[in-house]
Amino acid sequence: MARVNRPHLPQGKMAEHPLMVQLIHRRVALGWTQEQLAKATGFSQASIDSWERGVREPNITRFTRLASVLGFIPLLEKEIK
């Protein structure tokens, strides 16, 4: 049986930073897996997973690269409410 490549939401603890949470939702809305995002950005899947689980945070250069690849425009907290 072939493995189905589904978008992956981190299990357990998820990043708490609002911008990282928005990036996770954007990735999933595009139907991308962490592996696909890793290939598109040049980052490792392990790094993306640790950022999404809130274990580590990407530096501003890496965050900007993630946002650019995902076509992400962050919503400010006041815009979300």
N, C-alpha and C. Protein backbone atom coordinates (compact mmCIF):
# COMPACT_ATOMS: atom_id res chain seq x y z
N MET A 1 0.85 -1.18 0.00
CA MET A 1 0.00 0.00 0.00
C MET A 1 0.89 1.24 0.00
N ALA A 2 0.58 2.19 -0.85
CA ALA A 2 1.39 3.41 -0.96
C ALA A 2 1.13 4.33 0.22
N ARG A 3 2.19 4.99 0.66
CA ARG A 3 2.08 5.93 1.76
C ARG A 3 1.44 7.22 1.24
N VAL A 4 0.44 7.72 1.95
CA VAL A 4 -0.22 8.96 1.57
C VAL A 4 0.57 10.10 2.19
N ASN A 5 0.95 11.07 1.37
CA ASN A 5 1.73 12.20 1.83
C ASN A 5 0.79 13.33 2.22
N ARG A 6 0.43 13.39 3.50
CA ARG A 6 -0.52 14.38 3.98
C ARG A 6 0.21 15.52 4.68
N PRO A 7 -0.40 16.70 4.68
CA PRO A 7 0.19 17.79 5.44
C PRO A 7 0.33 17.37 6.90
N HIS A 8 1.41 17.78 7.52
CA HIS A 8 1.72 17.37 8.87
C HIS A 8 1.59 18.53 9.84
N LEU A 9 0.66 18.42 10.78
CA LEU A 9 0.60 19.36 11.88
C LEU A 9 1.40 18.76 13.01
N PRO A 10 2.19 19.56 13.71
CA PRO A 10 2.98 18.99 14.79
C PRO A 10 2.09 18.37 15.85
N GLN A 11 2.50 17.23 16.37
CA GLN A 11 1.76 16.56 17.41
C GLN A 11 2.20 17.10 18.76
N GLY A 12 1.30 17.09 19.74
CA GLY A 12 1.66 17.57 21.06
C GLY A 12 1.78 19.07 21.08
N LYS A 13 2.82 19.55 21.75
CA LYS A 13 3.03 20.99 21.88
C LYS A 13 3.26 21.63 20.52
N MET A 14 2.62 22.77 20.32
CA MET A 14 2.81 23.52 19.08
C MET A 14 3.37 24.89 19.45
N ALA A 15 4.09 25.49 18.54
CA ALA A 15 4.66 26.81 18.76
C ALA A 15 3.58 27.76 19.29
N GLU A 16 3.97 28.62 20.21
CA GLU A 16 3.02 29.57 20.78
C GLU A 16 3.13 30.96 20.17
N HIS A 17 4.22 31.23 19.49
CA HIS A 17 4.39 32.56 18.89
C HIS A 17 3.35 32.73 17.79
N PRO A 18 2.55 33.80 17.85
CA PRO A 18 1.46 33.97 16.88
C PRO A 18 1.89 33.92 15.42
N LEU A 19 3.05 34.47 15.09
CA LEU A 19 3.50 34.44 13.70
C LEU A 19 3.85 33.03 13.26
N MET A 20 4.47 32.25 14.15
CA MET A 20 4.81 30.86 13.80
C MET A 20 3.55 30.04 13.64
N VAL A 21 2.56 30.27 14.47
CA VAL A 21 1.28 29.56 14.35
C VAL A 21 0.64 29.88 13.00
N GLN A 22 0.70 31.14 12.59
CA GLN A 22 0.15 31.53 11.29
C GLN A 22 0.90 30.84 10.14
N LEU A 23 2.23 30.71 10.28
CA LEU A 23 3.00 30.01 9.25
C LEU A 23 2.60 28.55 9.15
N ILE A 24 2.39 27.91 10.29
CA ILE A 24 1.97 26.50 10.30
C ILE A 24 0.65 26.36 9.55
N HIS A 25 -0.30 27.22 9.88
CA HIS A 25 -1.61 27.15 9.23
C HIS A 25 -1.51 27.44 7.73
N ARG A 26 -0.64 28.34 7.35
CA ARG A 26 -0.44 28.63 5.93
C ARG A 26 0.12 27.42 5.20
N ARG A 27 1.11 26.76 5.81
CA ARG A 27 1.70 25.56 5.20
C ARG A 27 0.63 24.50 4.99
N VAL A 28 -0.16 24.28 6.00
CA VAL A 28 -1.20 23.24 5.93
C VAL A 28 -2.28 23.64 4.92
N ALA A 29 -2.65 24.92 4.89
CA ALA A 29 -3.66 25.39 3.92
C ALA A 29 -3.20 25.17 2.49
N LEU A 30 -1.89 25.26 2.27
CA LEU A 30 -1.34 25.01 0.93
C LEU A 30 -1.24 23.51 0.61
N GLY A 31 -1.46 22.68 1.63
CA GLY A 31 -1.37 21.24 1.43
C GLY A 31 0.06 20.72 1.44
N TRP A 32 0.98 21.49 1.99
CA TRP A 32 2.39 21.12 2.02
C TRP A 32 2.72 20.33 3.27
N THR A 33 3.59 19.37 3.10
CA THR A 33 4.16 18.66 4.25
C THR A 33 5.38 19.42 4.73
N GLN A 34 5.87 19.06 5.90
CA GLN A 34 7.12 19.65 6.37
C GLN A 34 8.26 19.32 5.41
N GLU A 35 8.23 18.13 4.87
CA GLU A 35 9.28 17.72 3.92
C GLU A 35 9.27 18.60 2.67
N GLN A 36 8.08 18.91 2.17
CA GLN A 36 7.97 19.77 0.99
C GLN A 36 8.47 21.18 1.29
N LEU A 37 8.13 21.69 2.46
CA LEU A 37 8.60 23.01 2.85
C LEU A 37 10.11 23.01 3.03
N ALA A 38 10.64 21.94 3.57
CA ALA A 38 12.09 21.83 3.75
C ALA A 38 12.80 21.90 2.39
N LYS A 39 12.30 21.17 1.41
CA LYS A 39 12.91 21.19 0.08
C LYS A 39 12.83 22.58 -0.55
N ALA A 40 11.69 23.24 -0.38
CA ALA A 40 11.49 24.56 -0.99
C ALA A 40 12.35 25.65 -0.35
N THR A 41 12.66 25.49 0.93
CA THR A 41 13.43 26.51 1.65
C THR A 41 14.91 26.19 1.77
N GLY A 42 15.25 24.91 1.65
CA GLY A 42 16.63 24.50 1.87
C GLY A 42 16.94 24.22 3.33
N PHE A 43 15.93 24.28 4.19
CA PHE A 43 16.11 23.95 5.61
C PHE A 43 15.82 22.47 5.81
N SER A 44 16.28 21.92 6.90
CA SER A 44 16.00 20.51 7.17
C SER A 44 14.58 20.35 7.70
N GLN A 45 14.00 19.18 7.46
CA GLN A 45 12.67 18.88 7.99
C GLN A 45 12.71 18.89 9.51
N ALA A 46 13.82 18.46 10.10
CA ALA A 46 13.96 18.44 11.56
C ALA A 46 13.90 19.87 12.12
N SER A 47 14.52 20.82 11.42
CA SER A 47 14.47 22.22 11.87
C SER A 47 13.05 22.75 11.82
N ILE A 48 12.37 22.49 10.72
CA ILE A 48 10.99 22.97 10.58
C ILE A 48 10.11 22.36 11.66
N ASP A 49 10.29 21.07 11.91
CA ASP A 49 9.51 20.40 12.96
C ASP A 49 9.78 21.03 14.32
N SER A 50 11.04 21.30 14.65
CA SER A 50 11.35 21.87 15.96
C SER A 50 10.79 23.29 16.09
N TRP A 51 10.77 24.05 14.99
CA TRP A 51 10.17 25.39 15.02
C TRP A 51 8.67 25.29 15.22
N GLU A 52 8.04 24.36 14.51
CA GLU A 52 6.58 24.23 14.61
C GLU A 52 6.14 23.71 15.97
N ARG A 53 6.98 22.93 16.62
CA ARG A 53 6.64 22.42 17.96
C ARG A 53 7.03 23.39 19.07
N GLY A 54 7.67 24.50 18.71
CA GLY A 54 8.04 25.49 19.71
C GLY A 54 9.28 25.13 20.49
N VAL A 55 10.03 24.12 20.03
CA VAL A 55 11.26 23.73 20.70
C VAL A 55 12.33 24.79 20.47
N ARG A 56 12.37 25.32 19.26
CA ARG A 56 13.30 26.38 18.86
C ARG A 56 12.53 27.38 18.02
N GLU A 57 13.14 28.55 17.80
CA GLU A 57 12.53 29.54 16.93
C GLU A 57 13.51 29.87 15.81
N PRO A 58 13.01 30.06 14.60
CA PRO A 58 13.92 30.45 13.51
C PRO A 58 14.40 31.88 13.72
N ASN A 59 15.63 32.15 13.31
CA ASN A 59 16.09 33.53 13.38
C ASN A 59 15.35 34.34 12.31
N ILE A 60 15.53 35.65 12.32
CA ILE A 60 14.76 36.52 11.42
C ILE A 60 15.02 36.20 9.95
N THR A 61 16.24 35.84 9.61
CA THR A 61 16.56 35.49 8.22
C THR A 61 15.80 34.24 7.79
N ARG A 62 15.79 33.24 8.64
CA ARG A 62 15.09 31.99 8.32
C ARG A 62 13.58 32.19 8.31
N PHE A 63 13.08 32.98 9.28
CA PHE A 63 11.65 33.25 9.31
C PHE A 63 11.21 33.97 8.04
N THR A 64 12.01 34.94 7.61
CA THR A 64 11.70 35.68 6.38
C THR A 64 11.69 34.75 5.18
N ARG A 65 12.62 33.80 5.12
CA ARG A 65 12.67 32.83 4.02
C ARG A 65 11.41 31.96 4.04
N LEU A 66 11.03 31.47 5.22
CA LEU A 66 9.81 30.66 5.35
C LEU A 66 8.60 31.45 4.84
N ALA A 67 8.47 32.68 5.31
CA ALA A 67 7.33 33.51 4.93
C ALA A 67 7.30 33.76 3.42
N SER A 68 8.45 34.02 2.85
CA SER A 68 8.53 34.28 1.42
C SER A 68 8.12 33.07 0.59
N VAL A 69 8.63 31.92 0.95
CA VAL A 69 8.31 30.69 0.21
C VAL A 69 6.83 30.35 0.32
N LEU A 70 6.24 30.61 1.48
CA LEU A 70 4.83 30.30 1.69
C LEU A 70 3.90 31.40 1.19
N GLY A 71 4.44 32.51 0.72
CA GLY A 71 3.59 33.62 0.29
C GLY A 71 2.79 34.17 1.45
N PHE A 72 3.45 34.26 2.58
CA PHE A 72 2.82 34.59 3.85
C PHE A 72 2.90 36.08 4.13
N ILE A 73 1.76 36.69 4.45
CA ILE A 73 1.71 38.06 4.92
C ILE A 73 1.14 37.99 6.33
N PRO A 74 1.97 38.29 7.33
CA PRO A 74 1.51 38.13 8.71
C PRO A 74 0.36 39.07 9.07
N LEU A 75 -0.55 38.55 9.86
CA LEU A 75 -1.64 39.36 10.41
C LEU A 75 -1.20 39.85 11.78
N LEU A 76 -1.38 41.12 12.03
CA LEU A 76 -1.08 41.64 13.35
C LEU A 76 -2.15 41.19 14.31
N GLU A 77 -1.78 41.07 15.57
CA GLU A 77 -2.72 40.57 16.57
C GLU A 77 -4.03 41.36 16.58
N LYS A 78 -3.97 42.68 16.42
CA LYS A 78 -5.20 43.47 16.43
C LYS A 78 -6.08 43.18 15.20
N GLU A 79 -5.47 42.69 14.10
CA GLU A 79 -6.24 42.35 12.89
C GLU A 79 -6.96 41.02 13.05
N ILE A 80 -6.44 40.16 13.93
CA ILE A 80 -7.02 38.84 14.13
C ILE A 80 -8.32 38.93 14.94
N LYS A 81 -8.38 39.85 15.89
CA LYS A 81 -9.54 39.95 16.80
C LYS A 81 -10.75 40.49 16.13
